[in-house]
mmCIF file of all heavy atoms, coordinates in Angstrom:
data_MODEL
# 
_entry.id   MODEL 
# 
loop_
_atom_site.group_PDB 
_atom_site.id 
_atom_site.type_symbol 
_atom_site.label_atom_id 
_atom_site.label_alt_id 
_atom_site.label_comp_id 
_atom_site.label_asym_id 
_atom_site.label_entity_id 
_atom_site.label_seq_id 
_atom_site.pdbx_PDB_ins_code 
_atom_site.Cartn_x 
_atom_site.Cartn_y 
_atom_site.Cartn_z 
_atom_site.occupancy 
_atom_site.B_iso_or_equiv 
_atom_site.pdbx_formal_charge 
_atom_site.auth_seq_id 
_atom_site.auth_comp_id 
_atom_site.auth_asym_id 
_atom_site.auth_atom_id 
_atom_site.pdbx_PDB_model_num 
ATOM 1   N N   . GLN A 1 1  ? -86.451 36.885 -1.009  1.00 0.00 ? 1  GLN A N   1 
ATOM 2   C CA  . GLN A 1 1  ? -85.018 36.629 -1.120  1.00 0.00 ? 1  GLN A CA  1 
ATOM 3   C C   . GLN A 1 1  ? -84.509 36.653 -2.575  1.00 0.00 ? 1  GLN A C   1 
ATOM 4   O O   . GLN A 1 1  ? -83.379 37.175 -2.807  1.00 0.00 ? 1  GLN A O   1 
ATOM 5   C CB  . GLN A 1 1  ? -84.752 35.229 -0.549  1.00 0.00 ? 1  GLN A CB  1 
ATOM 6   C CG  . GLN A 1 1  ? -83.265 34.922 -0.443  1.00 0.00 ? 1  GLN A CG  1 
ATOM 7   C CD  . GLN A 1 1  ? -83.001 33.606 0.306   1.00 0.00 ? 1  GLN A CD  1 
ATOM 8   O OE1 . GLN A 1 1  ? -83.921 32.924 0.658   1.00 0.00 ? 1  GLN A OE1 1 
ATOM 9   N NE2 . GLN A 1 1  ? -81.757 33.284 0.492   1.00 0.00 ? 1  GLN A NE2 1 
ATOM 10  N N   . ALA A 1 2  ? -85.304 36.282 -3.529  1.00 0.00 ? 2  ALA A N   1 
ATOM 11  C CA  . ALA A 1 2  ? -84.913 36.331 -4.962  1.00 0.00 ? 2  ALA A CA  1 
ATOM 12  C C   . ALA A 1 2  ? -84.817 37.776 -5.431  1.00 0.00 ? 2  ALA A C   1 
ATOM 13  O O   . ALA A 1 2  ? -83.920 38.161 -6.148  1.00 0.00 ? 2  ALA A O   1 
ATOM 14  C CB  . ALA A 1 2  ? -85.894 35.566 -5.792  1.00 0.00 ? 2  ALA A CB  1 
ATOM 15  N N   . VAL A 1 3  ? -85.765 38.594 -4.971  1.00 0.00 ? 3  VAL A N   1 
ATOM 16  C CA  . VAL A 1 3  ? -85.700 40.050 -5.313  1.00 0.00 ? 3  VAL A CA  1 
ATOM 17  C C   . VAL A 1 3  ? -84.485 40.669 -4.715  1.00 0.00 ? 3  VAL A C   1 
ATOM 18  O O   . VAL A 1 3  ? -83.801 41.457 -5.383  1.00 0.00 ? 3  VAL A O   1 
ATOM 19  C CB  . VAL A 1 3  ? -86.998 40.767 -4.853  1.00 0.00 ? 3  VAL A CB  1 
ATOM 20  C CG1 . VAL A 1 3  ? -86.889 42.245 -5.060  1.00 0.00 ? 3  VAL A CG1 1 
ATOM 21  C CG2 . VAL A 1 3  ? -88.216 40.195 -5.652  1.00 0.00 ? 3  VAL A CG2 1 
ATOM 22  N N   . ALA A 1 4  ? -84.167 40.400 -3.448  1.00 0.00 ? 4  ALA A N   1 
ATOM 23  C CA  . ALA A 1 4  ? -82.979 40.943 -2.830  1.00 0.00 ? 4  ALA A CA  1 
ATOM 24  C C   . ALA A 1 4  ? -81.746 40.519 -3.562  1.00 0.00 ? 4  ALA A C   1 
ATOM 25  O O   . ALA A 1 4  ? -80.827 41.331 -3.793  1.00 0.00 ? 4  ALA A O   1 
ATOM 26  C CB  . ALA A 1 4  ? -82.932 40.497 -1.322  1.00 0.00 ? 4  ALA A CB  1 
ATOM 27  N N   . GLN A 1 5  ? -81.635 39.291 -3.976  1.00 0.00 ? 5  GLN A N   1 
ATOM 28  C CA  . GLN A 1 5  ? -80.463 38.816 -4.731  1.00 0.00 ? 5  GLN A CA  1 
ATOM 29  C C   . GLN A 1 5  ? -80.390 39.507 -6.049  1.00 0.00 ? 5  GLN A C   1 
ATOM 30  O O   . GLN A 1 5  ? -79.289 39.887 -6.515  1.00 0.00 ? 5  GLN A O   1 
ATOM 31  C CB  . GLN A 1 5  ? -80.508 37.300 -4.929  1.00 0.00 ? 5  GLN A CB  1 
ATOM 32  C CG  . GLN A 1 5  ? -79.284 36.723 -5.663  1.00 0.00 ? 5  GLN A CG  1 
ATOM 33  C CD  . GLN A 1 5  ? -77.986 36.955 -4.890  1.00 0.00 ? 5  GLN A CD  1 
ATOM 34  O OE1 . GLN A 1 5  ? -77.932 36.673 -3.690  1.00 0.00 ? 5  GLN A OE1 1 
ATOM 35  N NE2 . GLN A 1 5  ? -76.988 37.530 -5.532  1.00 0.00 ? 5  GLN A NE2 1 
ATOM 36  N N   . ALA A 1 6  ? -81.507 39.678 -6.777  1.00 0.00 ? 6  ALA A N   1 
ATOM 37  C CA  . ALA A 1 6  ? -81.534 40.354 -8.044  1.00 0.00 ? 6  ALA A CA  1 
ATOM 38  C C   . ALA A 1 6  ? -81.017 41.823 -7.883  1.00 0.00 ? 6  ALA A C   1 
ATOM 39  O O   . ALA A 1 6  ? -80.206 42.299 -8.714  1.00 0.00 ? 6  ALA A O   1 
ATOM 40  C CB  . ALA A 1 6  ? -82.924 40.397 -8.614  1.00 0.00 ? 6  ALA A CB  1 
ATOM 41  N N   . LEU A 1 7  ? -81.450 42.494 -6.858  1.00 0.00 ? 7  LEU A N   1 
ATOM 42  C CA  . LEU A 1 7  ? -80.995 43.848 -6.628  1.00 0.00 ? 7  LEU A CA  1 
ATOM 43  C C   . LEU A 1 7  ? -79.512 43.894 -6.329  1.00 0.00 ? 7  LEU A C   1 
ATOM 44  O O   . LEU A 1 7  ? -78.768 44.782 -6.803  1.00 0.00 ? 7  LEU A O   1 
ATOM 45  C CB  . LEU A 1 7  ? -81.791 44.533 -5.527  1.00 0.00 ? 7  LEU A CB  1 
ATOM 46  C CG  . LEU A 1 7  ? -83.255 44.795 -5.818  1.00 0.00 ? 7  LEU A CG  1 
ATOM 47  C CD1 . LEU A 1 7  ? -84.010 45.308 -4.636  1.00 0.00 ? 7  LEU A CD1 1 
ATOM 48  C CD2 . LEU A 1 7  ? -83.373 45.787 -6.986  1.00 0.00 ? 7  LEU A CD2 1 
ATOM 49  N N   . ARG A 1 8  ? -79.011 42.951 -5.517  1.00 0.00 ? 8  ARG A N   1 
ATOM 50  C CA  . ARG A 1 8  ? -77.582 42.870 -5.231  1.00 0.00 ? 8  ARG A CA  1 
ATOM 51  C C   . ARG A 1 8  ? -76.785 42.639 -6.517  1.00 0.00 ? 8  ARG A C   1 
ATOM 52  O O   . ARG A 1 8  ? -75.747 43.236 -6.703  1.00 0.00 ? 8  ARG A O   1 
ATOM 53  C CB  . ARG A 1 8  ? -77.272 41.746 -4.221  1.00 0.00 ? 8  ARG A CB  1 
ATOM 54  C CG  . ARG A 1 8  ? -77.569 42.086 -2.800  1.00 0.00 ? 8  ARG A CG  1 
ATOM 55  C CD  . ARG A 1 8  ? -76.988 41.084 -1.838  1.00 0.00 ? 8  ARG A CD  1 
ATOM 56  N NE  . ARG A 1 8  ? -77.621 39.778 -1.918  1.00 0.00 ? 8  ARG A NE  1 
ATOM 57  C CZ  . ARG A 1 8  ? -78.731 39.425 -1.264  1.00 0.00 ? 8  ARG A CZ  1 
ATOM 58  N NH1 . ARG A 1 8  ? -79.333 40.274 -0.482  1.00 0.00 ? 8  ARG A NH1 1 
ATOM 59  N NH2 . ARG A 1 8  ? -79.239 38.257 -1.404  1.00 0.00 ? 8  ARG A NH2 1 
ATOM 60  N N   . ASN A 1 9  ? -77.328 41.777 -7.411  1.00 0.00 ? 9  ASN A N   1 
ATOM 61  C CA  . ASN A 1 9  ? -76.643 41.542 -8.693  1.00 0.00 ? 9  ASN A CA  1 
ATOM 62  C C   . ASN A 1 9  ? -76.493 42.828 -9.479  1.00 0.00 ? 9  ASN A C   1 
ATOM 63  O O   . ASN A 1 9  ? -75.409 43.163 -10.011 1.00 0.00 ? 9  ASN A O   1 
ATOM 64  C CB  . ASN A 1 9  ? -77.370 40.536 -9.524  1.00 0.00 ? 9  ASN A CB  1 
ATOM 65  C CG  . ASN A 1 9  ? -77.345 39.117 -9.016  1.00 0.00 ? 9  ASN A CG  1 
ATOM 66  O OD1 . ASN A 1 9  ? -76.488 38.782 -8.213  1.00 0.00 ? 9  ASN A OD1 1 
ATOM 67  N ND2 . ASN A 1 9  ? -78.262 38.306 -9.471  1.00 0.00 ? 9  ASN A ND2 1 
ATOM 68  N N   . LEU A 1 10 ? -77.558 43.603 -9.571  1.00 0.00 ? 10 LEU A N   1 
ATOM 69  C CA  . LEU A 1 10 ? -77.541 44.821 -10.346 1.00 0.00 ? 10 LEU A CA  1 
ATOM 70  C C   . LEU A 1 10 ? -76.634 45.894 -9.711  1.00 0.00 ? 10 LEU A C   1 
ATOM 71  O O   . LEU A 1 10 ? -75.894 46.586 -10.470 1.00 0.00 ? 10 LEU A O   1 
ATOM 72  C CB  . LEU A 1 10 ? -78.936 45.346 -10.525 1.00 0.00 ? 10 LEU A CB  1 
ATOM 73  C CG  . LEU A 1 10 ? -79.896 44.487 -11.378 1.00 0.00 ? 10 LEU A CG  1 
ATOM 74  C CD1 . LEU A 1 10 ? -81.304 45.107 -11.378 1.00 0.00 ? 10 LEU A CD1 1 
ATOM 75  C CD2 . LEU A 1 10 ? -79.368 44.342 -12.795 1.00 0.00 ? 10 LEU A CD2 1 
ATOM 76  N N   . VAL A 1 11 ? -76.654 45.996 -8.412  1.00 0.00 ? 11 VAL A N   1 
ATOM 77  C CA  . VAL A 1 11 ? -75.833 46.994 -7.765  1.00 0.00 ? 11 VAL A CA  1 
ATOM 78  C C   . VAL A 1 11 ? -74.357 46.598 -7.890  1.00 0.00 ? 11 VAL A C   1 
ATOM 79  O O   . VAL A 1 11 ? -73.487 47.430 -8.165  1.00 0.00 ? 11 VAL A O   1 
ATOM 80  C CB  . VAL A 1 11 ? -76.176 47.144 -6.266  1.00 0.00 ? 11 VAL A CB  1 
ATOM 81  C CG1 . VAL A 1 11 ? -75.191 47.963 -5.505  1.00 0.00 ? 11 VAL A CG1 1 
ATOM 82  C CG2 . VAL A 1 11 ? -77.545 47.814 -6.172  1.00 0.00 ? 11 VAL A CG2 1 
ATOM 83  N N   . GLN A 1 12 ? -74.043 45.309 -7.737  1.00 0.00 ? 12 GLN A N   1 
ATOM 84  C CA  . GLN A 1 12 ? -72.684 44.849 -7.936  1.00 0.00 ? 12 GLN A CA  1 
ATOM 85  C C   . GLN A 1 12 ? -72.205 45.064 -9.363  1.00 0.00 ? 12 GLN A C   1 
ATOM 86  O O   . GLN A 1 12 ? -71.046 45.487 -9.549  1.00 0.00 ? 12 GLN A O   1 
ATOM 87  C CB  . GLN A 1 12 ? -72.494 43.347 -7.594  1.00 0.00 ? 12 GLN A CB  1 
ATOM 88  C CG  . GLN A 1 12 ? -71.063 42.883 -7.558  1.00 0.00 ? 12 GLN A CG  1 
ATOM 89  C CD  . GLN A 1 12 ? -70.209 43.677 -6.529  1.00 0.00 ? 12 GLN A CD  1 
ATOM 90  O OE1 . GLN A 1 12 ? -70.504 43.665 -5.366  1.00 0.00 ? 12 GLN A OE1 1 
ATOM 91  N NE2 . GLN A 1 12 ? -69.179 44.305 -6.995  1.00 0.00 ? 12 GLN A NE2 1 
ATOM 92  N N   . ASN A 1 13 ? -73.023 44.816 -10.362 1.00 0.00 ? 13 ASN A N   1 
ATOM 93  C CA  . ASN A 1 13 ? -72.658 45.077 -11.727 1.00 0.00 ? 13 ASN A CA  1 
ATOM 94  C C   . ASN A 1 13 ? -72.359 46.599 -11.945 1.00 0.00 ? 13 ASN A C   1 
ATOM 95  O O   . ASN A 1 13 ? -71.411 46.992 -12.607 1.00 0.00 ? 13 ASN A O   1 
ATOM 96  C CB  . ASN A 1 13 ? -73.725 44.657 -12.689 1.00 0.00 ? 13 ASN A CB  1 
ATOM 97  C CG  . ASN A 1 13 ? -73.706 43.166 -12.933 1.00 0.00 ? 13 ASN A CG  1 
ATOM 98  O OD1 . ASN A 1 13 ? -72.871 42.467 -12.524 1.00 0.00 ? 13 ASN A OD1 1 
ATOM 99  N ND2 . ASN A 1 13 ? -74.717 42.705 -13.647 1.00 0.00 ? 13 ASN A ND2 1 
ATOM 100 N N   . ALA A 1 14 ? -73.193 47.441 -11.353 1.00 0.00 ? 14 ALA A N   1 
ATOM 101 C CA  . ALA A 1 14 ? -72.974 48.917 -11.401 1.00 0.00 ? 14 ALA A CA  1 
ATOM 102 C C   . ALA A 1 14 ? -71.648 49.305 -10.781 1.00 0.00 ? 14 ALA A C   1 
ATOM 103 O O   . ALA A 1 14 ? -70.883 50.111 -11.305 1.00 0.00 ? 14 ALA A O   1 
ATOM 104 C CB  . ALA A 1 14 ? -74.128 49.652 -10.795 1.00 0.00 ? 14 ALA A CB  1 
ATOM 105 N N   . LEU A 1 15 ? -71.317 48.743 -9.632  1.00 0.00 ? 15 LEU A N   1 
ATOM 106 C CA  . LEU A 1 15 ? -70.059 49.006 -8.981  1.00 0.00 ? 15 LEU A CA  1 
ATOM 107 C C   . LEU A 1 15 ? -68.891 48.533 -9.815  1.00 0.00 ? 15 LEU A C   1 
ATOM 108 O O   . LEU A 1 15 ? -67.898 49.199 -9.942  1.00 0.00 ? 15 LEU A O   1 
ATOM 109 C CB  . LEU A 1 15 ? -70.031 48.316 -7.587  1.00 0.00 ? 15 LEU A CB  1 
ATOM 110 C CG  . LEU A 1 15 ? -70.951 48.950 -6.526  1.00 0.00 ? 15 LEU A CG  1 
ATOM 111 C CD1 . LEU A 1 15 ? -71.085 48.073 -5.326  1.00 0.00 ? 15 LEU A CD1 1 
ATOM 112 C CD2 . LEU A 1 15 ? -70.491 50.378 -6.156  1.00 0.00 ? 15 LEU A CD2 1 
ATOM 113 N N   . ASP A 1 16 ? -69.027 47.308 -10.394 1.00 0.00 ? 16 ASP A N   1 
ATOM 114 C CA  . ASP A 1 16 ? -67.995 46.756 -11.254 1.00 0.00 ? 16 ASP A CA  1 
ATOM 115 C C   . ASP A 1 16 ? -67.757 47.608 -12.484 1.00 0.00 ? 16 ASP A C   1 
ATOM 116 O O   . ASP A 1 16 ? -66.643 47.703 -12.956 1.00 0.00 ? 16 ASP A O   1 
ATOM 117 C CB  . ASP A 1 16 ? -68.293 45.334 -11.627 1.00 0.00 ? 16 ASP A CB  1 
ATOM 118 C CG  . ASP A 1 16 ? -68.227 44.352 -10.475 1.00 0.00 ? 16 ASP A CG  1 
ATOM 119 O OD1 . ASP A 1 16 ? -67.667 44.703 -9.441  1.00 0.00 ? 16 ASP A OD1 1 
ATOM 120 O OD2 . ASP A 1 16 ? -68.760 43.225 -10.631 1.00 0.00 ? 16 ASP A OD2 1 
ATOM 121 N N   . ALA A 1 17 ? -68.810 48.194 -13.037 1.00 0.00 ? 17 ALA A N   1 
ATOM 122 C CA  . ALA A 1 17 ? -68.685 48.967 -14.251 1.00 0.00 ? 17 ALA A CA  1 
ATOM 123 C C   . ALA A 1 17 ? -68.144 50.379 -13.989 1.00 0.00 ? 17 ALA A C   1 
ATOM 124 O O   . ALA A 1 17 ? -67.641 51.001 -14.914 1.00 0.00 ? 17 ALA A O   1 
ATOM 125 C CB  . ALA A 1 17 ? -70.092 49.106 -14.916 1.00 0.00 ? 17 ALA A CB  1 
ATOM 126 N N   . SER A 1 18 ? -68.202 50.859 -12.777 1.00 0.00 ? 18 SER A N   1 
ATOM 127 C CA  . SER A 1 18 ? -67.799 52.209 -12.427 1.00 0.00 ? 18 SER A CA  1 
ATOM 128 C C   . SER A 1 18 ? -66.331 52.244 -12.045 1.00 0.00 ? 18 SER A C   1 
ATOM 129 O O   . SER A 1 18 ? -65.793 51.284 -11.519 1.00 0.00 ? 18 SER A O   1 
ATOM 130 C CB  . SER A 1 18 ? -68.669 52.694 -11.264 1.00 0.00 ? 18 SER A CB  1 
ATOM 131 O OG  . SER A 1 18 ? -70.000 52.764 -11.618 1.00 0.00 ? 18 SER A OG  1 
ATOM 132 N N   . PRO A 1 19 ? -65.710 53.423 -12.238 1.00 0.00 ? 19 PRO A N   1 
ATOM 133 C CA  . PRO A 1 19 ? -64.334 53.576 -11.746 1.00 0.00 ? 19 PRO A CA  1 
ATOM 134 C C   . PRO A 1 19 ? -64.281 53.501 -10.263 1.00 0.00 ? 19 PRO A C   1 
ATOM 135 O O   . PRO A 1 19 ? -65.267 53.709 -9.543  1.00 0.00 ? 19 PRO A O   1 
ATOM 136 C CB  . PRO A 1 19 ? -63.983 55.001 -12.210 1.00 0.00 ? 19 PRO A CB  1 
ATOM 137 C CG  . PRO A 1 19 ? -65.005 55.415 -13.161 1.00 0.00 ? 19 PRO A CG  1 
ATOM 138 C CD  . PRO A 1 19 ? -66.228 54.593 -12.927 1.00 0.00 ? 19 PRO A CD  1 
ATOM 139 N N   . PRO A 1 20 ? -63.081 53.168 -9.706  1.00 0.00 ? 20 PRO A N   1 
ATOM 140 C CA  . PRO A 1 20 ? -62.926 53.109 -8.229  1.00 0.00 ? 20 PRO A CA  1 
ATOM 141 C C   . PRO A 1 20 ? -63.391 54.403 -7.623  1.00 0.00 ? 20 PRO A C   1 
ATOM 142 O O   . PRO A 1 20 ? -63.146 55.506 -8.157  1.00 0.00 ? 20 PRO A O   1 
ATOM 143 C CB  . PRO A 1 20 ? -61.411 52.878 -8.040  1.00 0.00 ? 20 PRO A CB  1 
ATOM 144 C CG  . PRO A 1 20 ? -60.939 52.308 -9.339  1.00 0.00 ? 20 PRO A CG  1 
ATOM 145 C CD  . PRO A 1 20 ? -61.817 52.862 -10.406 1.00 0.00 ? 20 PRO A CD  1 
ATOM 146 N N   . GLN A 1 21 ? -64.054 54.341 -6.471  1.00 0.00 ? 21 GLN A N   1 
ATOM 147 C CA  . GLN A 1 21 ? -64.461 55.500 -5.695  1.00 0.00 ? 21 GLN A CA  1 
ATOM 148 C C   . GLN A 1 21 ? -65.656 56.255 -6.330  1.00 0.00 ? 21 GLN A C   1 
ATOM 149 O O   . GLN A 1 21 ? -66.101 57.233 -5.769  1.00 0.00 ? 21 GLN A O   1 
ATOM 150 C CB  . GLN A 1 21 ? -63.312 56.477 -5.393  1.00 0.00 ? 21 GLN A CB  1 
ATOM 151 C CG  . GLN A 1 21 ? -62.109 55.847 -4.800  1.00 0.00 ? 21 GLN A CG  1 
ATOM 152 C CD  . GLN A 1 21 ? -62.364 55.106 -3.536  1.00 0.00 ? 21 GLN A CD  1 
ATOM 153 O OE1 . GLN A 1 21 ? -63.096 55.542 -2.666  1.00 0.00 ? 21 GLN A OE1 1 
ATOM 154 N NE2 . GLN A 1 21 ? -61.779 53.947 -3.403  1.00 0.00 ? 21 GLN A NE2 1 
ATOM 155 N N   . ALA A 1 22 ? -66.126 55.772 -7.493  1.00 0.00 ? 22 ALA A N   1 
ATOM 156 C CA  . ALA A 1 22 ? -67.303 56.435 -8.123  1.00 0.00 ? 22 ALA A CA  1 
ATOM 157 C C   . ALA A 1 22 ? -68.550 56.071 -7.327  1.00 0.00 ? 22 ALA A C   1 
ATOM 158 O O   . ALA A 1 22 ? -68.648 55.014 -6.687  1.00 0.00 ? 22 ALA A O   1 
ATOM 159 C CB  . ALA A 1 22 ? -67.440 56.006 -9.566  1.00 0.00 ? 22 ALA A CB  1 
ATOM 160 N N   . LYS A 1 23 ? -69.486 56.956 -7.363  1.00 0.00 ? 23 LYS A N   1 
ATOM 161 C CA  . LYS A 1 23 ? -70.782 56.711 -6.691  1.00 0.00 ? 23 LYS A CA  1 
ATOM 162 C C   . LYS A 1 23 ? -71.737 55.983 -7.590  1.00 0.00 ? 23 LYS A C   1 
ATOM 163 O O   . LYS A 1 23 ? -71.747 56.195 -8.813  1.00 0.00 ? 23 LYS A O   1 
ATOM 164 C CB  . LYS A 1 23 ? -71.415 58.042 -6.257  1.00 0.00 ? 23 LYS A CB  1 
ATOM 165 C CG  . LYS A 1 23 ? -70.612 58.740 -5.169  1.00 0.00 ? 23 LYS A CG  1 
ATOM 166 C CD  . LYS A 1 23 ? -71.320 59.982 -4.728  1.00 0.00 ? 23 LYS A CD  1 
ATOM 167 C CE  . LYS A 1 23 ? -70.364 60.729 -3.802  1.00 0.00 ? 23 LYS A CE  1 
ATOM 168 N NZ  . LYS A 1 23 ? -70.842 60.892 -2.466  1.00 0.00 ? 23 LYS A NZ  1 
ATOM 169 N N   . VAL A 1 24 ? -72.496 55.071 -7.013  1.00 0.00 ? 24 VAL A N   1 
ATOM 170 C CA  . VAL A 1 24 ? -73.557 54.359 -7.670  1.00 0.00 ? 24 VAL A CA  1 
ATOM 171 C C   . VAL A 1 24 ? -74.840 54.763 -6.980  1.00 0.00 ? 24 VAL A C   1 
ATOM 172 O O   . VAL A 1 24 ? -74.942 54.712 -5.766  1.00 0.00 ? 24 VAL A O   1 
ATOM 173 C CB  . VAL A 1 24 ? -73.389 52.832 -7.611  1.00 0.00 ? 24 VAL A CB  1 
ATOM 174 C CG1 . VAL A 1 24 ? -74.621 52.111 -8.129  1.00 0.00 ? 24 VAL A CG1 1 
ATOM 175 C CG2 . VAL A 1 24 ? -72.161 52.429 -8.464  1.00 0.00 ? 24 VAL A CG2 1 
# 
């Protein structure tokens, strides 16, 4: 569960850093 949350954090940060509609 901790690993899953860590991956979600990183993916969400990547989405937040990217322009709208950009691919991560």
